[in-house]
N, C-alpha and C. Protein backbone atom coordinates (compact mmCIF):
# COMPACT_ATOMS: atom_id res chain seq x y z
N MET A 1 0.61 -1.12 -0.15
CA MET A 1 0.17 0.24 0.57
C MET A 1 0.71 1.37 -0.07
N LYS A 2 0.20 2.11 -0.48
CA LYS A 2 1.70 3.43 -0.87
C LYS A 2 1.30 4.16 0.49
N PRO A 3 2.10 4.66 0.93
CA PRO A 3 2.35 5.52 2.25
C PRO A 3 1.53 6.81 2.15
N GLY A 4 -0.03 6.69 3.16
CA GLY A 4 -0.32 8.15 3.25
C GLY A 4 -2.00 7.73 2.77
N VAL A 5 -1.75 6.07 2.03
CA VAL A 5 -3.33 5.94 1.70
C VAL A 5 -4.10 5.61 2.98
N ASP A 6 -5.39 6.34 2.85
CA ASP A 6 -6.40 6.09 4.09
C ASP A 6 -7.71 5.00 3.74
N PRO A 7 -8.00 3.99 3.70
CA PRO A 7 -8.74 3.35 3.19
C PRO A 7 -10.09 3.82 3.50
N GLN A 8 -10.05 4.24 4.83
CA GLN A 8 -11.53 4.44 4.80
C GLN A 8 -12.19 5.87 3.87
N ALA A 9 -11.11 6.83 3.85
CA ALA A 9 -11.24 7.96 3.30
C ALA A 9 -11.59 7.46 1.59
N ALA A 10 -10.85 6.85 1.41
CA ALA A 10 -10.77 5.78 -0.26
C ALA A 10 -12.64 5.29 -0.14
N LEU A 11 -12.86 4.58 0.68
CA LEU A 11 -14.16 4.09 0.87
C LEU A 11 -15.58 5.67 0.64
N LEU A 12 -15.24 6.17 1.66
CA LEU A 12 -15.90 7.26 1.27
C LEU A 12 -15.74 7.97 0.20
N ARG A 13 -14.68 8.63 -0.37
CA ARG A 13 -14.64 8.86 -1.62
C ARG A 13 -15.73 8.53 -2.87
N VAL A 14 -15.26 7.28 -2.80
CA VAL A 14 -16.00 6.57 -4.14
C VAL A 14 -17.57 6.09 -3.34
N ALA A 15 -17.48 6.27 -2.44
CA ALA A 15 -19.26 6.34 -2.36
C ALA A 15 -19.70 7.43 -2.75
N ARG A 16 -18.88 8.61 -2.40
CA ARG A 16 -19.71 9.79 -2.35
C ARG A 16 -19.61 9.80 -4.31
N GLN A 17 -18.91 9.59 -5.05
CA GLN A 17 -18.77 9.66 -6.69
C GLN A 17 -19.61 8.34 -7.43
N LEU A 18 -19.92 7.63 -6.58
CA LEU A 18 -20.82 7.00 -7.70
C LEU A 18 -21.89 7.12 -8.26
N ASP A 19 -23.07 7.91 -7.73
CA ASP A 19 -23.41 8.33 -8.72
C ASP A 19 -23.25 8.85 -10.28
N GLU A 20 -21.80 10.23 -9.87
CA GLU A 20 -21.38 10.32 -10.62
C GLU A 20 -20.80 9.87 -11.71
N MET A 21 -20.18 8.54 -11.37
CA MET A 21 -19.14 7.67 -12.67
C MET A 21 -20.16 7.43 -13.68
N ARG A 22 -19.63 7.44 -14.82
CA ARG A 22 -20.55 7.22 -16.31
C ARG A 22 -19.49 6.53 -17.09
N SER A 23 -18.47 6.23 -17.14
CA SER A 23 -17.45 5.10 -18.05
C SER A 23 -17.37 4.41 -17.03
N ARG A 24 -16.80 3.14 -17.97
CA ARG A 24 -16.69 1.97 -17.66
C ARG A 24 -15.11 2.37 -16.88
N THR A 25 -14.18 2.93 -17.53
CA THR A 25 -12.53 3.54 -16.67
C THR A 25 -12.88 3.78 -15.41
N GLU A 26 -14.04 5.08 -15.19
CA GLU A 26 -14.01 5.53 -13.88
C GLU A 26 -14.49 4.35 -13.04
N VAL A 27 -15.32 3.30 -13.11
CA VAL A 27 -16.15 2.02 -12.73
C VAL A 27 -15.17 0.98 -12.07
N GLU A 28 -14.18 1.02 -12.80
CA GLU A 28 -13.16 0.06 -12.84
C GLU A 28 -12.10 0.24 -11.69
N THR A 29 -11.88 1.54 -12.27
CA THR A 29 -11.00 1.63 -11.33
C THR A 29 -11.23 2.09 -10.16
N ALA A 30 -12.25 2.60 -9.18
CA ALA A 30 -12.84 2.24 -8.40
C ALA A 30 -12.72 0.64 -7.77
N LEU A 31 -13.43 -0.14 -8.26
CA LEU A 31 -13.76 -0.91 -7.83
C LEU A 31 -12.25 -1.69 -7.84
N ASP A 32 -11.34 -1.65 -8.69
CA ASP A 32 -10.38 -2.08 -8.46
C ASP A 32 -9.24 -1.24 -7.34
N GLU A 33 -9.20 0.02 -6.85
CA GLU A 33 -9.00 0.42 -5.53
C GLU A 33 -9.27 -0.35 -4.24
N LEU A 34 -11.23 -0.12 -4.84
CA LEU A 34 -11.67 -1.26 -3.17
C LEU A 34 -11.60 -2.40 -2.91
N GLU A 35 -11.25 -3.12 -3.72
CA GLU A 35 -10.78 -4.25 -3.80
C GLU A 35 -9.19 -4.48 -3.61
N TYR A 36 -8.52 -3.72 -3.92
CA TYR A 36 -7.15 -3.43 -3.58
C TYR A 36 -7.23 -3.15 -1.79
N LEU A 37 -8.13 -2.66 -1.45
CA LEU A 37 -7.67 -1.67 -0.25
C LEU A 37 -8.82 -2.83 0.87
N PHE A 38 -9.36 -3.46 0.46
CA PHE A 38 -10.39 -4.38 0.90
C PHE A 38 -9.70 -4.98 2.53
N GLU A 39 -8.86 -5.92 2.40
CA GLU A 39 -8.39 -6.13 3.30
C GLU A 39 -7.43 -5.44 4.19
N VAL A 40 -6.98 -4.36 4.11
CA VAL A 40 -6.42 -3.61 5.03
C VAL A 40 -7.21 -2.78 5.84
N LEU A 41 -8.80 -2.95 5.19
CA LEU A 41 -9.65 -1.79 5.86
C LEU A 41 -10.01 -2.51 7.24
N ASP A 42 -10.24 -1.58 8.30
CA ASP A 42 -11.40 -2.22 10.05
C ASP A 42 -12.29 -3.18 9.24
N PRO A 43 -12.60 -4.12 10.12
CA PRO A 43 -13.28 -5.09 10.01
C PRO A 43 -14.76 -4.10 10.00
N GLU A 44 -14.81 -2.77 11.10
CA GLU A 44 -16.17 -2.46 10.96
C GLU A 44 -16.43 -2.01 9.84
N PHE A 45 -15.49 -1.73 8.64
CA PHE A 45 -15.85 -1.05 7.17
C PHE A 45 -15.72 -2.10 6.34
N GLN A 46 -15.74 -3.39 6.30
CA GLN A 46 -15.56 -3.99 5.41
C GLN A 46 -17.08 -4.29 4.46
N ASP A 47 -18.28 -4.13 5.58
CA ASP A 47 -19.32 -4.62 5.35
C ASP A 47 -19.98 -3.32 4.18
N ALA A 48 -19.45 -2.20 4.61
CA ALA A 48 -19.96 -0.95 3.68
C ALA A 48 -19.21 -1.10 2.53
N ALA A 49 -18.01 -1.49 2.60
CA ALA A 49 -17.00 -2.21 1.22
C ALA A 49 -17.81 -2.95 0.68
N THR A 50 -18.18 -4.04 0.95
CA THR A 50 -18.89 -4.93 0.42
C THR A 50 -19.69 -4.53 -0.67
N THR A 51 -20.87 -3.70 0.13
CA THR A 51 -21.69 -3.22 -0.31
C THR A 51 -21.48 -2.30 -1.26
N LEU A 52 -20.22 -1.65 -1.03
CA LEU A 52 -20.06 -0.64 -2.38
C LEU A 52 -19.79 -1.28 -3.77
N ILE A 53 -19.01 -2.28 -3.53
CA ILE A 53 -18.19 -3.11 -4.39
C ILE A 53 -19.11 -3.59 -5.22
N ASP A 54 -20.28 -4.14 -4.59
CA ASP A 54 -21.60 -5.04 -5.36
C ASP A 54 -22.06 -3.94 -6.00
N GLN A 55 -22.50 -2.63 -6.03
CA GLN A 55 -23.20 -1.58 -6.35
C GLN A 55 -22.18 -0.95 -7.63
N LEU A 56 -21.09 -1.17 -7.46
CA LEU A 56 -20.11 -1.17 -8.67
C LEU A 56 -20.05 -2.12 -9.66
N ARG A 57 -20.04 -3.43 -9.03
CA ARG A 57 -20.12 -4.68 -10.22
C ARG A 57 -21.29 -4.01 -10.91
N VAL A 58 -22.42 -3.92 -10.26
CA VAL A 58 -23.98 -4.24 -10.82
C VAL A 58 -23.57 -3.00 -12.13
N LYS A 59 -22.90 -1.58 -11.55
CA LYS A 59 -23.22 -0.54 -12.69
C LYS A 59 -22.24 -0.66 -13.81
N LEU A 60 -20.95 -1.46 -13.36
CA LEU A 60 -20.41 -2.20 -14.19
C LEU A 60 -21.06 -2.92 -15.54
N GLU A 61 -21.75 -3.87 -14.89
CA GLU A 61 -22.77 -4.41 -15.67
C GLU A 61 -23.73 -3.87 -16.62
N ARG A 62 -23.99 -2.69 -15.96
CA ARG A 62 -25.40 -2.06 -17.00
C ARG A 62 -24.38 -1.25 -17.98
N LEU A 63 -23.31 -0.72 -17.83
CA LEU A 63 -22.42 0.14 -18.85
C LEU A 63 -21.75 -0.84 -19.62
N ASN A 64 -21.09 -1.89 -19.39
CA ASN A 64 -21.13 -3.55 -20.40
C ASN A 64 -21.99 -3.44 -20.68
N ALA A 65 -23.40 -3.93 -20.88
CA ALA A 65 -24.78 -4.25 -21.47
C ALA A 65 -25.01 -2.86 -22.54
N ARG A 66 -24.66 -1.58 -22.26
CA ARG A 66 -25.05 -1.01 -23.33
C ARG A 66 -23.83 -1.01 -24.33
N SER A 67 -23.01 -1.40 -24.07
CA SER A 67 -21.98 -1.24 -25.06
C SER A 67 -21.75 -2.52 -26.13
């Protein structure tokens, strides 16, 4: 993990940006980031991360269906 990376802050940032993501690249980047950080998240944040990861996967499926 990069020095200075705050997994909880990353989780919050992605959650705030979810509705604004319009491209596959944006969604894939956010999904990759959360999947990478999942293991270092405090256990109390892992349920929220799982929910957000699931939402990103659904959004990605919808974007792929439009292509």
